[in-house]
Amino acid sequence: MSGTGRRQDEVRRMLEGPHPPVPAGLAASAAERGARLLRRRRALRRLWVLALVAAVTAFTVWALTVRPWETPPAETTPVEGW
């Protein structure tokens, strides 16, 4: 018998044998933990979206007040008559 066949037979014997007892509240605690992880992910996602909106708003306000696309006024006046 090949190594794969032996492994399959061993797995079948393990699955057919007596199953170990499972704690009574395992499913409830797993569901509670999963819900907690989902709430945490949702809160972090909302926090990132809020930070992104704040950054875009701050950049927009800065750009509208500073107007970096306009050329700055000349610091010296042109001299005529030279």
C-alpha atoms as a PDB file:
ATOM      1  CA  MET A   1       0.000   0.000   0.000  1.00  0.00           C
ATOM      2  CA  SER A   2       1.344   3.428  -0.873  1.00  0.00           C
ATOM      3  CA  GLY A   3       1.944   6.207   1.647  1.00  0.00           C
ATOM      4  CA  THR A   4      -1.130   8.093   0.480  1.00  0.00           C
ATOM      5  CA  GLY A   5      -3.392   5.063   0.920  1.00  0.00           C
ATOM      6  CA  ARG A   6      -2.053   4.481   4.431  1.00  0.00           C
ATOM      7  CA  ARG A   7      -2.711   8.092   5.369  1.00  0.00           C
ATOM      8  CA  GLN A   8      -6.234   7.930   4.004  1.00  0.00           C
ATOM      9  CA  ASP A   9      -6.931   4.752   5.979  1.00  0.00           C
ATOM     10  CA  GLU A  10      -5.574   6.361   9.125  1.00  0.00           C
ATOM     11  CA  VAL A  11      -7.776   9.424   8.633  1.00  0.00           C
ATOM     12  CA  ARG A  12     -10.836   7.215   8.054  1.00  0.00           C
ATOM     13  CA  ARG A  13     -10.128   5.318  11.275  1.00  0.00           C
ATOM     14  CA  MET A  14      -9.775   8.580  13.180  1.00  0.00           C
ATOM     15  CA  LEU A  15     -13.062   9.906  11.797  1.00  0.00           C
ATOM     16  CA  GLU A  16     -14.941   6.671  12.488  1.00  0.00           C
ATOM     17  CA  GLY A  17     -13.648   6.416  16.041  1.00  0.00           C
ATOM     18  CA  PRO A  18     -15.076   8.046  19.149  1.00  0.00           C
ATOM     19  CA  HIS A  19     -15.283  11.812  18.896  1.00  0.00           C
ATOM     20  CA  PRO A  20     -13.896  13.959  21.717  1.00  0.00           C
ATOM     21  CA  PRO A  21     -16.428  15.922  23.748  1.00  0.00           C
ATOM     22  CA  VAL A  22     -16.974  19.529  22.705  1.00  0.00           C
ATOM     23  CA  PRO A  23     -17.557  22.217  25.335  1.00  0.00           C
ATOM     24  CA  ALA A  24     -21.186  23.281  25.602  1.00  0.00           C
ATOM     25  CA  GLY A  25     -20.707  27.010  24.970  1.00  0.00           C
ATOM     26  CA  LEU A  26     -18.158  26.683  22.171  1.00  0.00           C
ATOM     27  CA  ALA A  27     -20.488  27.770  19.347  1.00  0.00           C
ATOM     28  CA  ALA A  28     -21.856  30.711  21.346  1.00  0.00           C
ATOM     29  CA  SER A  29     -18.405  31.941  22.333  1.00  0.00           C
ATOM     30  CA  ALA A  30     -17.149  31.569  18.743  1.00  0.00           C
ATOM     31  CA  ALA A  31     -20.135  33.557  17.441  1.00  0.00           C
ATOM     32  CA  GLU A  32     -19.576  36.224  20.094  1.00  0.00           C
ATOM     33  CA  ARG A  33     -15.891  36.509  19.204  1.00  0.00           C
ATOM     34  CA  GLY A  34     -16.716  36.735  15.498  1.00  0.00           C
ATOM     35  CA  ALA A  35     -19.264  39.487  16.143  1.00  0.00           C
ATOM     36  CA  ARG A  36     -16.713  41.375  18.247  1.00  0.00           C
ATOM     37  CA  LEU A  37     -14.116  41.139  15.445  1.00  0.00           C
ATOM     38  CA  LEU A  38     -16.644  42.390  12.903  1.00  0.00           C
ATOM     39  CA  ARG A  39     -17.573  45.356  15.124  1.00  0.00           C
ATOM     40  CA  ARG A  40     -13.897  46.199  15.562  1.00  0.00           C
ATOM     41  CA  ARG A  41     -13.225  46.042  11.815  1.00  0.00           C
ATOM     42  CA  ARG A  42     -16.292  48.168  11.102  1.00  0.00           C
ATOM     43  CA  ALA A  43     -15.203  50.771  13.650  1.00  0.00           C
ATOM     44  CA  LEU A  44     -11.674  50.903  12.221  1.00  0.00           C
ATOM     45  CA  ARG A  45     -13.036  51.270   8.696  1.00  0.00           C
ATOM     46  CA  ARG A  46     -15.274  54.148   9.820  1.00  0.00           C
ATOM     47  CA  LEU A  47     -12.330  55.769  11.558  1.00  0.00           C
ATOM     48  CA  TRP A  48     -10.205  55.559   8.373  1.00  0.00           C
ATOM     49  CA  VAL A  49     -13.035  57.023   6.282  1.00  0.00           C
ATOM     50  CA  LEU A  50     -13.479  59.847   8.795  1.00  0.00           C
ATOM     51  CA  ALA A  51      -9.717  60.565   8.747  1.00  0.00           C
ATOM     52  CA  LEU A  52      -9.723  60.572   4.938  1.00  0.00           C
ATOM     53  CA  VAL A  53     -12.676  62.976   4.804  1.00  0.00           C
ATOM     54  CA  ALA A  54     -10.966  65.248   7.349  1.00  0.00           C
ATOM     55  CA  ALA A  55      -7.732  65.236   5.323  1.00  0.00           C
ATOM     56  CA  VAL A  56      -9.545  66.049   2.071  1.00  0.00           C
ATOM     57  CA  THR A  57     -11.496  68.831   3.785  1.00  0.00           C
ATOM     58  CA  ALA A  58      -8.352  70.301   5.339  1.00  0.00           C
ATOM     59  CA  PHE A  59      -6.532  70.194   1.996  1.00  0.00           C
ATOM     60  CA  THR A  60      -9.474  71.846   0.228  1.00  0.00           C
ATOM     61  CA  VAL A  61      -9.681  74.652   2.796  1.00  0.00           C
ATOM     62  CA  TRP A  62      -5.917  75.175   2.606  1.00  0.00           C
ATOM     63  CA  ALA A  63      -5.959  75.258  -1.211  1.00  0.00           C
ATOM     64  CA  LEU A  64      -8.834  77.731  -1.301  1.00  0.00           C
ATOM     65  CA  THR A  65      -7.163  80.104   1.158  1.00  0.00           C
ATOM     66  CA  VAL A  66      -3.568  79.921  -0.093  1.00  0.00           C
ATOM     67  CA  ARG A  67      -4.352  79.482  -3.810  1.00  0.00           C
ATOM     68  CA  PRO A  68      -1.062  77.780  -4.730  1.00  0.00           C
ATOM     69  CA  TRP A  69      -1.950  77.783  -8.442  1.00  0.00           C
ATOM     70  CA  GLU A  70      -1.695  81.585  -8.678  1.00  0.00           C
ATOM     71  CA  THR A  71       1.645  83.275  -9.261  1.00  0.00           C
ATOM     72  CA  PRO A  72       2.823  85.257  -6.251  1.00  0.00           C
ATOM     73  CA  PRO A  73       2.992  89.046  -6.595  1.00  0.00           C
ATOM     74  CA  ALA A  74       6.353  90.469  -7.557  1.00  0.00           C
ATOM     75  CA  GLU A  75       8.398  91.677  -4.595  1.00  0.00           C
ATOM     76  CA  THR A  76      10.107  94.447  -6.601  1.00  0.00           C
ATOM     77  CA  THR A  77       8.555  96.950  -8.918  1.00  0.00           C
ATOM     78  CA  PRO A  78       9.918  97.306 -12.391  1.00  0.00           C
ATOM     79  CA  VAL A  79      12.087 100.379 -12.809  1.00  0.00           C
ATOM     80  CA  GLU A  80      11.428 102.461 -15.889  1.00  0.00           C
ATOM     81  CA  GLY A  81      13.663 104.983 -17.506  1.00  0.00           C
ATOM     82  CA  TRP A  82      17.020 103.287 -17.170  1.00  0.00           C
END
